[in-house]
Amino acid sequence: MSEPKTIKDQFGRVHNYLRISLTERCNLRCTYCMPEEGIQLSEKSEVLTHEEIIYLAKEFVGLGVNKIRLTGGEPLVKKNIEKIIRELTALPIQLGITTNGILLDKYIDLLKECGVKDLNISLDTLDKDKFIEMTRRDYFDRVMSNIYRCVLEGFNVKINAVLIKGQNDNEIADFIEFTKTNKVAFRFIEFMPFDGNQWDNSKVVSLAEIIKTVEGSFGSDSIIKLEDKQNDTTKSYRIKGYEGSFGVISTVTNPFCDSCNRIRLTANGRIKNCLFSATETNLLNPLRKGEDIAPHIVKAVYPKKKSRGGMSSDEDFFDKEKNTKNRAMISIGG
């Protein structure tokens, strides 16, 4: 009997988790994600169609992918999103969605019907005025209403907050206090460099700083370290007696590349085998030429660098000449 097909890189890491960016469009303008001047969107003819997304997803599943997450931009603004969700959930995968939460109320019944349980919702502040400042849009009340509803409806809700020093790092204790009576996982994400987001290392709130702040607010004895799964990107914790949990995604100060199992497919049909990789592999052209796609996927992932797209040292990672040779975050997908 032949071995099941898998996608491996040169270090033997098996990749079974695909993140599909459905669109480069978004109904927010978050400062760390989209440059103030916006981005040049891909031509409509260069964006994966609904049928092409499903076809490629099946190709990845045939190579051992069993977990898919839909990202954007904002995935719920994608035309035919209902069909995409229905057809993907017919595959033998676990499907999740990363969203800003604005449109969730329109799709809750569909998600429940299709068995989608995992929702990652971006929310960088619990302050309405600051939300408007950070996102350049006024949707705070709607997002909060949808978060509460999704929790009540029994979804597995993770809330992602990108911490930026001087903007929202003073809310760490407030975020964690939110988990006292709300069964959510609040995840603090270290501010990462992408084209046009004005990244600077001095703006990063590190894992160590976050834990120190939590200890100061809640006491070290009240913090319970939770067991992290094999491929988790998050170091997870809980405060004694609290319904929810919190965690830190420490890409900058404590990267977790050794256990990486993720591949990214952009809205215009490119594989990025690392979030920070400057190189991409075009799947759209060979797909439209009728070529066998599986070999292209395997070939694209194999040369994946050991850490952070080849920027293994902090000296490299903090070098703006190197860390901005990438897309803006909105055109990669979360």
C-alpha atoms as a PDB file:
ATOM      1  CA  MET A   1       0.000   0.000   0.000  1.00  0.00           C
ATOM      2  CA  SER A   2       1.431   3.397  -0.983  1.00  0.00           C
ATOM      3  CA  GLU A   3       1.938   6.110   1.631  1.00  0.00           C
ATOM      4  CA  PRO A   4      -0.705   8.853   1.768  1.00  0.00           C
ATOM      5  CA  LYS A   5       0.297  11.984  -0.131  1.00  0.00           C
ATOM      6  CA  THR A   6       1.654  14.854   1.945  1.00  0.00           C
ATOM      7  CA  ILE A   7       3.156  18.278   1.372  1.00  0.00           C
ATOM      8  CA  LYS A   8       6.592  18.489   2.992  1.00  0.00           C
ATOM      9  CA  ASP A   9       9.301  21.123   2.969  1.00  0.00           C
ATOM     10  CA  GLN A  10      13.049  20.560   2.941  1.00  0.00           C
ATOM     11  CA  PHE A  11      13.074  20.253   6.745  1.00  0.00           C
ATOM     12  CA  GLY A  12      10.442  17.507   6.792  1.00  0.00           C
ATOM     13  CA  ARG A  13       7.640  19.719   8.120  1.00  0.00           C
ATOM     14  CA  VAL A  14       4.262  18.367   6.949  1.00  0.00           C
ATOM     15  CA  HIS A  15       1.854  21.043   5.743  1.00  0.00           C
ATOM     16  CA  ASN A  16      -1.791  20.145   6.295  1.00  0.00           C
ATOM     17  CA  TYR A  17      -3.247  23.608   6.955  1.00  0.00           C
ATOM     18  CA  LEU A  18      -4.215  25.921   4.085  1.00  0.00           C
ATOM     19  CA  ARG A  19      -5.231  29.550   4.477  1.00  0.00           C
ATOM     20  CA  ILE A  20      -7.137  30.821   1.438  1.00  0.00           C
ATOM     21  CA  SER A  21      -7.421  34.564   0.907  1.00  0.00           C
ATOM     22  CA  LEU A  22     -10.718  34.995  -0.935  1.00  0.00           C
ATOM     23  CA  THR A  23     -10.355  38.683  -1.726  1.00  0.00           C
ATOM     24  CA  GLU A  24      -8.038  41.656  -1.345  1.00  0.00           C
ATOM     25  CA  ARG A  25     -11.020  43.875  -0.555  1.00  0.00           C
ATOM     26  CA  CYS A  26     -12.070  44.878   2.947  1.00  0.00           C
ATOM     27  CA  ASN A  27     -14.697  47.093   4.567  1.00  0.00           C
ATOM     28  CA  LEU A  28     -12.163  48.349   7.153  1.00  0.00           C
ATOM     29  CA  ARG A  29      -8.894  50.250   6.704  1.00  0.00           C
ATOM     30  CA  CYS A  30      -6.834  49.056   9.684  1.00  0.00           C
ATOM     31  CA  THR A  31      -3.575  50.975   9.912  1.00  0.00           C
ATOM     32  CA  TYR A  32      -1.296  47.949  10.442  1.00  0.00           C
ATOM     33  CA  CYS A  33      -2.890  46.017   7.571  1.00  0.00           C
ATOM     34  CA  MET A  34      -3.515  48.471   4.752  1.00  0.00           C
ATOM     35  CA  PRO A  35      -1.292  51.421   3.754  1.00  0.00           C
ATOM     36  CA  GLU A  36      -3.040  54.773   4.203  1.00  0.00           C
ATOM     37  CA  GLU A  37      -2.955  55.334   0.443  1.00  0.00           C
ATOM     38  CA  GLY A  38      -4.582  51.924  -0.124  1.00  0.00           C
ATOM     39  CA  ILE A  39      -3.212  49.207  -2.412  1.00  0.00           C
ATOM     40  CA  GLN A  40      -3.347  48.429  -6.105  1.00  0.00           C
ATOM     41  CA  LEU A  41      -5.950  45.683  -6.303  1.00  0.00           C
ATOM     42  CA  SER A  42      -5.430  42.776  -8.650  1.00  0.00           C
ATOM     43  CA  GLU A  43      -7.374  42.938 -11.890  1.00  0.00           C
ATOM     44  CA  LYS A  44     -10.646  41.008 -11.690  1.00  0.00           C
ATOM     45  CA  SER A  45      -9.389  38.628 -14.378  1.00  0.00           C
ATOM     46  CA  GLU A  46      -6.388  37.788 -12.166  1.00  0.00           C
ATOM     47  CA  VAL A  47      -8.440  36.849  -9.106  1.00  0.00           C
ATOM     48  CA  LEU A  48      -9.434  33.246  -8.418  1.00  0.00           C
ATOM     49  CA  THR A  49     -13.048  32.515  -9.284  1.00  0.00           C
ATOM     50  CA  HIS A  50     -15.354  30.585  -6.989  1.00  0.00           C
ATOM     51  CA  GLU A  51     -14.899  27.478  -9.143  1.00  0.00           C
ATOM     52  CA  GLU A  52     -11.101  27.825  -9.150  1.00  0.00           C
ATOM     53  CA  ILE A  53     -11.009  28.184  -5.362  1.00  0.00           C
ATOM     54  CA  ILE A  54     -12.927  24.931  -4.934  1.00  0.00           C
ATOM     55  CA  TYR A  55     -10.800  23.132  -7.522  1.00  0.00           C
ATOM     56  CA  LEU A  56      -7.554  24.186  -5.845  1.00  0.00           C
ATOM     57  CA  ALA A  57      -8.912  23.332  -2.399  1.00  0.00           C
ATOM     58  CA  LYS A  58      -9.619  19.801  -3.623  1.00  0.00           C
ATOM     59  CA  GLU A  59      -6.065  19.575  -4.985  1.00  0.00           C
ATOM     60  CA  PHE A  60      -4.668  20.548  -1.591  1.00  0.00           C
ATOM     61  CA  VAL A  61      -6.964  18.092   0.195  1.00  0.00           C
ATOM     62  CA  GLY A  62      -5.697  15.371  -2.123  1.00  0.00           C
ATOM     63  CA  LEU A  63      -2.217  16.192  -0.832  1.00  0.00           C
ATOM     64  CA  GLY A  64      -3.158  15.797   2.823  1.00  0.00           C
ATOM     65  CA  VAL A  65      -4.597  19.183   3.786  1.00  0.00           C
ATOM     66  CA  ASN A  66      -7.344  18.651   6.375  1.00  0.00           C
ATOM     67  CA  LYS A  67      -7.774  22.177   7.711  1.00  0.00           C
ATOM     68  CA  ILE A  68      -8.704  25.263   5.692  1.00  0.00           C
ATOM     69  CA  ARG A  69      -9.225  28.809   6.919  1.00  0.00           C
ATOM     70  CA  LEU A  70     -10.853  31.518   4.809  1.00  0.00           C
ATOM     71  CA  THR A  71      -9.240  34.941   5.084  1.00  0.00           C
ATOM     72  CA  GLY A  72      -9.142  38.176   3.122  1.00  0.00           C
ATOM     73  CA  GLY A  73      -9.152  41.119   2.995  1.00  0.00           C
ATOM     74  CA  GLU A  74     -12.525  40.426   4.480  1.00  0.00           C
ATOM     75  CA  PRO A  75     -13.740  37.002   3.265  1.00  0.00           C
ATOM     76  CA  LEU A  76     -17.417  37.709   3.882  1.00  0.00           C
ATOM     77  CA  VAL A  77     -17.455  40.453   1.216  1.00  0.00           C
ATOM     78  CA  LYS A  78     -16.537  37.859  -1.424  1.00  0.00           C
ATOM     79  CA  LYS A  79     -19.145  37.271  -4.112  1.00  0.00           C
ATOM     80  CA  ASN A  80     -20.524  33.721  -3.893  1.00  0.00           C
ATOM     81  CA  ILE A  81     -19.278  33.318  -0.316  1.00  0.00           C
ATOM     82  CA  GLU A  82     -22.314  31.148   0.469  1.00  0.00           C
ATOM     83  CA  LYS A  83     -21.467  28.698  -2.324  1.00  0.00           C
ATOM     84  CA  ILE A  84     -17.812  28.638  -1.335  1.00  0.00           C
ATOM     85  CA  ILE A  85     -18.648  27.784   2.282  1.00  0.00           C
ATOM     86  CA  ARG A  86     -21.162  25.105   1.299  1.00  0.00           C
ATOM     87  CA  GLU A  87     -18.803  23.429  -1.160  1.00  0.00           C
ATOM     88  CA  LEU A  88     -15.747  23.567   1.097  1.00  0.00           C
ATOM     89  CA  THR A  89     -17.620  22.062   4.033  1.00  0.00           C
ATOM     90  CA  ALA A  90     -18.525  19.118   1.811  1.00  0.00           C
ATOM     91  CA  LEU A  91     -14.803  18.235   1.768  1.00  0.00           C
ATOM     92  CA  PRO A  92     -13.155  16.162   4.547  1.00  0.00           C
ATOM     93  CA  ILE A  93     -11.725  19.225   6.283  1.00  0.00           C
ATOM     94  CA  GLN A  94     -12.145  21.459   9.296  1.00  0.00           C
ATOM     95  CA  LEU A  95     -13.185  24.879   7.988  1.00  0.00           C
ATOM     96  CA  GLY A  96     -12.608  28.116   9.867  1.00  0.00           C
ATOM     97  CA  ILE A  97     -13.026  31.790   9.014  1.00  0.00           C
ATOM     98  CA  THR A  98     -11.023  34.868   9.965  1.00  0.00           C
ATOM     99  CA  THR A  99     -13.215  37.957   9.795  1.00  0.00           C
ATOM    100  CA  ASN A 100     -13.540  41.496  11.117  1.00  0.00           C
ATOM    101  CA  GLY A 101     -17.022  40.544  12.319  1.00  0.00           C
ATOM    102  CA  ILE A 102     -18.997  43.254  10.556  1.00  0.00           C
ATOM    103  CA  LEU A 103     -21.075  40.920   8.358  1.00  0.00           C
ATOM    104  CA  LEU A 104     -21.264  37.876  10.625  1.00  0.00           C
ATOM    105  CA  ASP A 105     -24.929  38.352  11.519  1.00  0.00           C
ATOM    106  CA  LYS A 106     -25.838  37.774   7.845  1.00  0.00           C
ATOM    107  CA  TYR A 107     -24.162  34.370   7.798  1.00  0.00           C
ATOM    108  CA  ILE A 108     -24.642  32.847  11.256  1.00  0.00           C
ATOM    109  CA  ASP A 109     -27.458  30.532  10.122  1.00  0.00           C
ATOM    110  CA  LEU A 110     -25.426  29.389   7.112  1.00  0.00           C
ATOM    111  CA  LEU A 111     -22.342  28.706   9.256  1.00  0.00           C
ATOM    112  CA  LYS A 112     -24.380  26.675  11.729  1.00  0.00           C
ATOM    113  CA  GLU A 113     -26.061  24.740   8.925  1.00  0.00           C
ATOM    114  CA  CYS A 114     -22.666  23.905   7.388  1.00  0.00           C
ATOM    115  CA  GLY A 115     -21.055  22.984  10.699  1.00  0.00           C
ATOM    116  CA  VAL A 116     -18.499  25.822  10.729  1.00  0.00           C
ATOM    117  CA  LYS A 117     -17.589  26.353  14.382  1.00  0.00           C
ATOM    118  CA  ASP A 118     -14.254  28.178  14.353  1.00  0.00           C
ATOM    119  CA  LEU A 119     -14.362  31.963  14.032  1.00  0.00           C
ATOM    120  CA  ASN A 120     -11.375  34.260  14.440  1.00  0.00           C
ATOM    121  CA  ILE A 121     -12.600  37.829  14.823  1.00  0.00           C
ATOM    122  CA  SER A 122     -10.234  40.791  14.609  1.00  0.00           C
ATOM    123  CA  LEU A 123     -10.757  43.406  17.325  1.00  0.00           C
ATOM    124  CA  ASP A 124      -7.843  45.622  18.307  1.00  0.00           C
ATOM    125  CA  THR A 125      -9.552  47.732  20.954  1.00  0.00           C
ATOM    126  CA  LEU A 126     -12.527  47.746  23.297  1.00  0.00           C
ATOM    127  CA  ASP A 127     -12.787  51.523  23.006  1.00  0.00           C
ATOM    128  CA  LYS A 128     -15.196  52.791  20.364  1.00  0.00           C
ATOM    129  CA  ASP A 129     -13.336  56.015  19.607  1.00  0.00           C
ATOM    130  CA  LYS A 130     -10.040  54.170  19.312  1.00  0.00           C
ATOM    131  CA  PHE A 131     -11.688  51.576  17.066  1.00  0.00           C
ATOM    132  CA  ILE A 132     -12.717  54.329  14.662  1.00  0.00           C
ATOM    133  CA  GLU A 133      -9.186  55.751  14.757  1.00  0.00           C
ATOM    134  CA  MET A 134      -7.465  52.389  14.165  1.00  0.00           C
ATOM    135  CA  THR A 135      -9.848  51.046  11.508  1.00  0.00           C
ATOM    136  CA  ARG A 136     -10.805  54.389   9.908  1.00  0.00           C
ATOM    137  CA  ARG A 137     -14.425  53.169  10.010  1.00  0.00           C
ATOM    138  CA  ASP A 138     -17.341  53.275  12.504  1.00  0.00           C
ATOM    139  CA  TYR A 139     -18.454  49.659  12.964  1.00  0.00           C
ATOM    140  CA  PHE A 140     -17.594  49.089  16.622  1.00  0.00           C
ATOM    141  CA  ASP A 141     -21.136  48.513  17.930  1.00  0.00           C
ATOM    142  CA  ARG A 142     -21.950  46.080  15.131  1.00  0.00           C
ATOM    143  CA  VAL A 143     -18.763  44.068  15.661  1.00  0.00           C
ATOM    144  CA  MET A 144     -19.334  43.829  19.407  1.00  0.00           C
ATOM    145  CA  SER A 145     -22.965  42.786  18.911  1.00  0.00           C
ATOM    146  CA  ASN A 146     -21.872  40.041  16.524  1.00  0.00           C
ATOM    147  CA  ILE A 147     -19.178  38.799  18.907  1.00  0.00           C
ATOM    148  CA  TYR A 148     -21.687  38.449  21.744  1.00  0.00           C
ATOM    149  CA  ARG A 149     -24.164  36.703  19.451  1.00  0.00           C
ATOM    150  CA  CYS A 150     -21.581  34.224  18.155  1.00  0.00           C
ATOM    151  CA  VAL A 151     -20.553  33.333  21.698  1.00  0.00           C
ATOM    152  CA  LEU A 152     -24.195  32.759  22.650  1.00  0.00           C
ATOM    153  CA  GLU A 153     -24.715  30.651  19.516  1.00  0.00           C
ATOM    154  CA  GLY A 154     -21.905  28.334  20.631  1.00  0.00           C
ATOM    155  CA  PHE A 155     -19.171  29.161  18.122  1.00  0.00           C
ATOM    156  CA  ASN A 156     -15.518  28.719  19.058  1.00  0.00           C
ATOM    157  CA  VAL A 157     -14.624  32.401  19.076  1.00  0.00           C
ATOM    158  CA  LYS A 158     -11.059  33.653  19.079  1.00  0.00           C
ATOM    159  CA  ILE A 159     -10.525  37.404  19.145  1.00  0.00           C
ATOM    160  CA  ASN A 160      -7.308  38.659  17.590  1.00  0.00           C
ATOM    161  CA  ALA A 161      -5.781  41.939  18.745  1.00  0.00           C
ATOM    162  CA  VAL A 162      -2.619  43.298  17.164  1.00  0.00           C
ATOM    163  CA  LEU A 163      -0.844  45.157  19.954  1.00  0.00           C
ATOM    164  CA  ILE A 164       0.965  48.371  19.024  1.00  0.00           C
ATOM    165  CA  LYS A 165       2.890  50.295  21.658  1.00  0.00           C
ATOM    166  CA  GLY A 166       1.300  53.628  22.408  1.00  0.00           C
ATOM    167  CA  GLN A 167      -1.985  52.707  20.721  1.00  0.00           C
ATOM    168  CA  ASN A 168      -3.690  49.817  22.481  1.00  0.00           C
ATOM    169  CA  ASP A 169      -1.109  48.213  24.795  1.00  0.00           C
ATOM    170  CA  ASN A 170      -2.790  49.964  27.724  1.00  0.00           C
ATOM    171  CA  GLU A 171      -5.837  47.710  27.169  1.00  0.00           C
ATOM    172  CA  ILE A 172      -4.156  44.347  27.863  1.00  0.00           C
ATOM    173  CA  ALA A 173      -5.851  43.956  31.254  1.00  0.00           C
ATOM    174  CA  ASP A 174      -9.201  45.077  29.782  1.00  0.00           C
ATOM    175  CA  PHE A 175      -8.953  42.474  27.010  1.00  0.00           C
ATOM    176  CA  ILE A 176      -8.289  39.734  29.565  1.00  0.00           C
ATOM    177  CA  GLU A 177     -11.063  40.969  31.834  1.00  0.00           C
ATOM    178  CA  PHE A 178     -13.401  40.472  28.856  1.00  0.00           C
ATOM    179  CA  THR A 179     -12.712  36.724  29.179  1.00  0.00           C
ATOM    180  CA  LYS A 180     -14.047  36.665  32.740  1.00  0.00           C
ATOM    181  CA  THR A 181     -17.654  36.167  31.661  1.00  0.00           C
ATOM    182  CA  ASN A 182     -17.235  35.581  27.914  1.00  0.00           C
ATOM    183  CA  LYS A 183     -16.083  32.191  26.660  1.00  0.00           C
ATOM    184  CA  VAL A 184     -13.646  33.502  24.072  1.00  0.00           C
ATOM    185  CA  ALA A 185      -9.913  33.142  23.510  1.00  0.00           C
ATOM    186  CA  PHE A 186      -8.337  36.590  23.350  1.00  0.00           C
ATOM    187  CA  ARG A 187      -5.098  36.433  21.392  1.00  0.00           C
ATOM    188  CA  PHE A 188      -2.493  39.179  21.434  1.00  0.00           C
ATOM    189  CA  ILE A 189      -0.494  39.346  18.198  1.00  0.00           C
ATOM    190  CA  GLU A 190       2.895  41.013  18.088  1.00  0.00           C
ATOM    191  CA  PHE A 191       3.013  43.835  15.524  1.00  0.00           C
ATOM    192  CA  MET A 192       4.659  42.441  12.369  1.00  0.00           C
ATOM    193  CA  PRO A 193       6.370  44.210   9.445  1.00  0.00           C
ATOM    194  CA  PHE A 194       4.636  44.394   6.066  1.00  0.00           C
ATOM    195  CA  ASP A 195       4.817  46.748   3.138  1.00  0.00           C
ATOM    196  CA  GLY A 196       3.323  50.148   3.964  1.00  0.00           C
ATOM    197  CA  ASN A 197       2.360  49.585   7.616  1.00  0.00           C
ATOM    198  CA  GLN A 198       5.029  51.845   9.159  1.00  0.00           C
ATOM    199  CA  TRP A 199       6.422  49.006  11.261  1.00  0.00           C
ATOM    200  CA  ASP A 200       9.145  49.736  13.761  1.00  0.00           C
ATOM    201  CA  ASN A 201      10.552  47.391  16.392  1.00  0.00           C
ATOM    202  CA  SER A 202       9.967  50.038  19.058  1.00  0.00           C
ATOM    203  CA  LYS A 203       6.206  49.607  18.484  1.00  0.00           C
ATOM    204  CA  VAL A 204       6.272  45.858  19.220  1.00  0.00           C
ATOM    205  CA  VAL A 205       4.747  44.712  22.518  1.00  0.00           C
ATOM    206  CA  SER A 206       6.633  41.507  23.223  1.00  0.00           C
ATOM    207  CA  LEU A 207       5.483  38.247  24.760  1.00  0.00           C
ATOM    208  CA  ALA A 208       7.605  39.024  27.849  1.00  0.00           C
ATOM    209  CA  GLU A 209       6.070  42.492  28.221  1.00  0.00           C
ATOM    210  CA  ILE A 210       2.543  41.134  27.859  1.00  0.00           C
ATOM    211  CA  ILE A 211       3.054  38.468  30.521  1.00  0.00           C
ATOM    212  CA  LYS A 212       4.669  41.016  32.852  1.00  0.00           C
ATOM    213  CA  THR A 213       1.653  43.294  32.432  1.00  0.00           C
ATOM    214  CA  VAL A 214      -0.757  40.426  33.102  1.00  0.00           C
ATOM    215  CA  GLU A 215       1.155  39.416  36.219  1.00  0.00           C
ATOM    216  CA  GLY A 216       1.030  43.010  37.440  1.00  0.00           C
ATOM    217  CA  SER A 217      -2.722  43.247  36.885  1.00  0.00           C
ATOM    218  CA  PHE A 218      -3.873  39.797  37.991  1.00  0.00           C
ATOM    219  CA  GLY A 219      -1.003  38.318  40.017  1.00  0.00           C
ATOM    220  CA  SER A 220       1.290  35.551  38.824  1.00  0.00           C
ATOM    221  CA  ASP A 221      -0.484  32.955  40.995  1.00  0.00           C
ATOM    222  CA  SER A 222      -3.751  33.492  39.127  1.00  0.00           C
ATOM    223  CA  ILE A 223      -2.282  32.742  35.686  1.00  0.00           C
ATOM    224  CA  ILE A 224      -2.722  29.157  34.485  1.00  0.00           C
ATOM    225  CA  LYS A 225      -0.563  28.003  31.561  1.00  0.00           C
ATOM    226  CA  LEU A 226      -2.670  25.916  29.171  1.00  0.00           C
ATOM    227  CA  GLU A 227      -1.320  23.033  27.126  1.00  0.00           C
ATOM    228  CA  ASP A 228      -0.448  24.084  23.582  1.00  0.00           C
ATOM    229  CA  LYS A 229      -1.188  21.728  20.703  1.00  0.00           C
ATOM    230  CA  GLN A 230       1.554  20.491  18.372  1.00  0.00           C
ATOM    231  CA  ASN A 231       1.164  23.139  15.660  1.00  0.00           C
ATOM    232  CA  ASP A 232      -0.238  25.962  17.770  1.00  0.00           C
ATOM    233  CA  THR A 233       1.015  29.446  17.001  1.00  0.00           C
ATOM    234  CA  THR A 234      -0.319  30.673  20.334  1.00  0.00           C
ATOM    235  CA  LYS A 235       1.061  30.344  23.844  1.00  0.00           C
ATOM    236  CA  SER A 236      -2.186  30.060  25.791  1.00  0.00           C
ATOM    237  CA  TYR A 237      -3.155  30.995  29.357  1.00  0.00           C
ATOM    238  CA  ARG A 238      -6.205  31.465  31.535  1.00  0.00           C
ATOM    239  CA  ILE A 239      -6.963  33.460  34.654  1.00  0.00           C
ATOM    240  CA  LYS A 240      -8.290  31.285  37.478  1.00  0.00           C
ATOM    241  CA  GLY A 241     -12.090  31.279  37.501  1.00  0.00           C
ATOM    242  CA  TYR A 242     -12.453  33.002  34.125  1.00  0.00           C
ATOM    243  CA  GLU A 243     -14.704  31.569  31.419  1.00  0.00           C
ATOM    244  CA  GLY A 244     -12.361  32.319  28.549  1.00  0.00           C
ATOM    245  CA  SER A 245      -8.631  32.286  27.937  1.00  0.00           C
ATOM    246  CA  PHE A 246      -5.918  34.466  26.450  1.00  0.00           C
ATOM    247  CA  GLY A 247      -2.789  33.853  24.459  1.00  0.00           C
ATOM    248  CA  VAL A 248       0.137  35.455  22.678  1.00  0.00           C
ATOM    249  CA  ILE A 249       1.230  34.957  19.072  1.00  0.00           C
ATOM    250  CA  SER A 250       4.887  35.940  19.325  1.00  0.00           C
ATOM    251  CA  THR A 251       6.055  35.929  15.704  1.00  0.00           C
ATOM    252  CA  VAL A 252       8.586  38.704  16.299  1.00  0.00           C
ATOM    253  CA  THR A 253      10.217  37.921  19.655  1.00  0.00           C
ATOM    254  CA  ASN A 254       9.676  34.176  19.979  1.00  0.00           C
ATOM    255  CA  PRO A 255       8.885  32.634  16.556  1.00  0.00           C
ATOM    256  CA  PHE A 256       7.331  29.186  16.282  1.00  0.00           C
ATOM    257  CA  CYS A 257       8.612  28.209  12.839  1.00  0.00           C
ATOM    258  CA  ASP A 258       9.859  24.734  13.816  1.00  0.00           C
ATOM    259  CA  SER A 259       6.303  23.394  13.970  1.00  0.00           C
ATOM    260  CA  CYS A 260       4.869  25.333  11.030  1.00  0.00           C
ATOM    261  CA  ASN A 261       2.242  23.423   9.043  1.00  0.00           C
ATOM    262  CA  ARG A 262       0.676  26.355   7.154  1.00  0.00           C
ATOM    263  CA  ILE A 263       0.478  27.318   3.491  1.00  0.00           C
ATOM    264  CA  ARG A 264      -1.110  30.497   2.156  1.00  0.00           C
ATOM    265  CA  LEU A 265      -2.981  30.870  -1.116  1.00  0.00           C
ATOM    266  CA  THR A 266      -3.508  34.491  -2.142  1.00  0.00           C
ATOM    267  CA  ALA A 267      -6.630  35.837  -3.832  1.00  0.00           C
ATOM    268  CA  ASN A 268      -4.749  36.088  -7.127  1.00  0.00           C
ATOM    269  CA  GLY A 269      -3.700  32.455  -7.011  1.00  0.00           C
ATOM    270  CA  ARG A 270      -0.187  32.586  -5.592  1.00  0.00           C
ATOM    271  CA  ILE A 271       1.262  30.241  -2.992  1.00  0.00           C
ATOM    272  CA  LYS A 272       3.169  31.913  -0.201  1.00  0.00           C
ATOM    273  CA  ASN A 273       4.860  29.169   1.756  1.00  0.00           C
ATOM    274  CA  CYS A 274       5.573  31.617   4.584  1.00  0.00           C
ATOM    275  CA  LEU A 275       3.823  34.784   5.723  1.00  0.00           C
ATOM    276  CA  PHE A 276       7.140  36.643   5.411  1.00  0.00           C
ATOM    277  CA  SER A 277       8.355  35.053   2.183  1.00  0.00           C
ATOM    278  CA  ALA A 278       9.170  37.503  -0.605  1.00  0.00           C
ATOM    279  CA  THR A 279       8.826  34.737  -3.193  1.00  0.00           C
ATOM    280  CA  GLU A 280       5.543  33.352  -4.500  1.00  0.00           C
ATOM    281  CA  THR A 281       4.475  30.555  -6.834  1.00  0.00           C
ATOM    282  CA  ASN A 282       1.820  31.274  -9.448  1.00  0.00           C
ATOM    283  CA  LEU A 283      -0.860  28.551  -9.503  1.00  0.00           C
ATOM    284  CA  LEU A 284      -3.359  30.556 -11.506  1.00  0.00           C
ATOM    285  CA  ASN A 285      -1.516  30.377 -14.832  1.00  0.00           C
ATOM    286  CA  PRO A 286      -0.887  26.604 -14.828  1.00  0.00           C
ATOM    287  CA  LEU A 287      -4.434  26.041 -13.560  1.00  0.00           C
ATOM    288  CA  ARG A 288      -5.908  27.958 -16.486  1.00  0.00           C
ATOM    289  CA  LYS A 289      -3.606  26.104 -18.881  1.00  0.00           C
ATOM    290  CA  GLY A 290      -5.060  22.816 -17.642  1.00  0.00           C
ATOM    291  CA  GLU A 291      -1.827  21.587 -16.083  1.00  0.00           C
ATOM    292  CA  ASP A 292      -1.629  19.114 -13.200  1.00  0.00           C
ATOM    293  CA  ILE A 293      -1.543  21.377 -10.153  1.00  0.00           C
ATOM    294  CA  ALA A 294      -0.337  18.955  -7.467  1.00  0.00           C
ATOM    295  CA  PRO A 295       3.320  18.965  -8.613  1.00  0.00           C
ATOM    296  CA  HIS A 296       3.325  22.775  -8.600  1.00  0.00           C
ATOM    297  CA  ILE A 297       2.099  22.793  -4.995  1.00  0.00           C
ATOM    298  CA  VAL A 298       4.666  20.259  -3.806  1.00  0.00           C
ATOM    299  CA  LYS A 299       7.469  22.079  -5.627  1.00  0.00           C
ATOM    300  CA  ALA A 300       6.437  25.457  -4.175  1.00  0.00           C
ATOM    301  CA  VAL A 301       6.463  24.330  -0.544  1.00  0.00           C
ATOM    302  CA  TYR A 302       9.608  22.178  -0.563  1.00  0.00           C
ATOM    303  CA  PRO A 303      12.199  25.035  -0.530  1.00  0.00           C
ATOM    304  CA  LYS A 304      10.457  26.812   2.373  1.00  0.00           C
ATOM    305  CA  LYS A 305      13.016  28.528   4.602  1.00  0.00           C
ATOM    306  CA  LYS A 306      13.615  27.354   8.149  1.00  0.00           C
ATOM    307  CA  SER A 307      12.371  30.564   9.743  1.00  0.00           C
ATOM    308  CA  ARG A 308      10.474  33.750   8.818  1.00  0.00           C
ATOM    309  CA  GLY A 309      10.996  33.608   5.071  1.00  0.00           C
ATOM    310  CA  GLY A 310      14.757  33.334   5.481  1.00  0.00           C
ATOM    311  CA  MET A 311      15.054  36.233   7.949  1.00  0.00           C
ATOM    312  CA  SER A 312      16.240  33.916  10.706  1.00  0.00           C
ATOM    313  CA  SER A 313      18.173  36.470  12.750  1.00  0.00           C
ATOM    314  CA  ASP A 314      16.623  39.508  14.419  1.00  0.00           C
ATOM    315  CA  GLU A 315      19.177  41.634  12.556  1.00  0.00           C
ATOM    316  CA  ASP A 316      17.663  40.471   9.255  1.00  0.00           C
ATOM    317  CA  PHE A 317      14.076  40.619  10.484  1.00  0.00           C
ATOM    318  CA  PHE A 318      14.440  44.196  11.747  1.00  0.00           C
ATOM    319  CA  ASP A 319      16.106  45.365   8.503  1.00  0.00           C
ATOM    320  CA  LYS A 320      13.518  47.445   6.627  1.00  0.00           C
ATOM    321  CA  GLU A 321      15.270  46.720   3.335  1.00  0.00           C
ATOM    322  CA  LYS A 322      14.411  43.046   3.874  1.00  0.00           C
ATOM    323  CA  ASN A 323      11.193  42.957   5.900  1.00  0.00           C
ATOM    324  CA  THR A 324       9.232  45.146   3.478  1.00  0.00           C
ATOM    325  CA  LYS A 325      10.078  43.081   0.394  1.00  0.00           C
ATOM    326  CA  ASN A 326       6.622  41.608   0.713  1.00  0.00           C
ATOM    327  CA  ARG A 327       2.998  42.467   0.082  1.00  0.00           C
ATOM    328  CA  ALA A 328       0.843  44.631   2.303  1.00  0.00           C
ATOM    329  CA  MET A 329      -0.871  42.407   4.853  1.00  0.00           C
ATOM    330  CA  ILE A 330      -4.312  42.891   3.278  1.00  0.00           C
ATOM    331  CA  SER A 331      -3.191  41.307   0.014  1.00  0.00           C
ATOM    332  CA  ILE A 332      -1.659  38.267   1.748  1.00  0.00           C
ATOM    333  CA  GLY A 333      -4.492  37.202   4.024  1.00  0.00           C
ATOM    334  CA  GLY A 334      -4.321  36.827   7.795  1.00  0.00           C
END
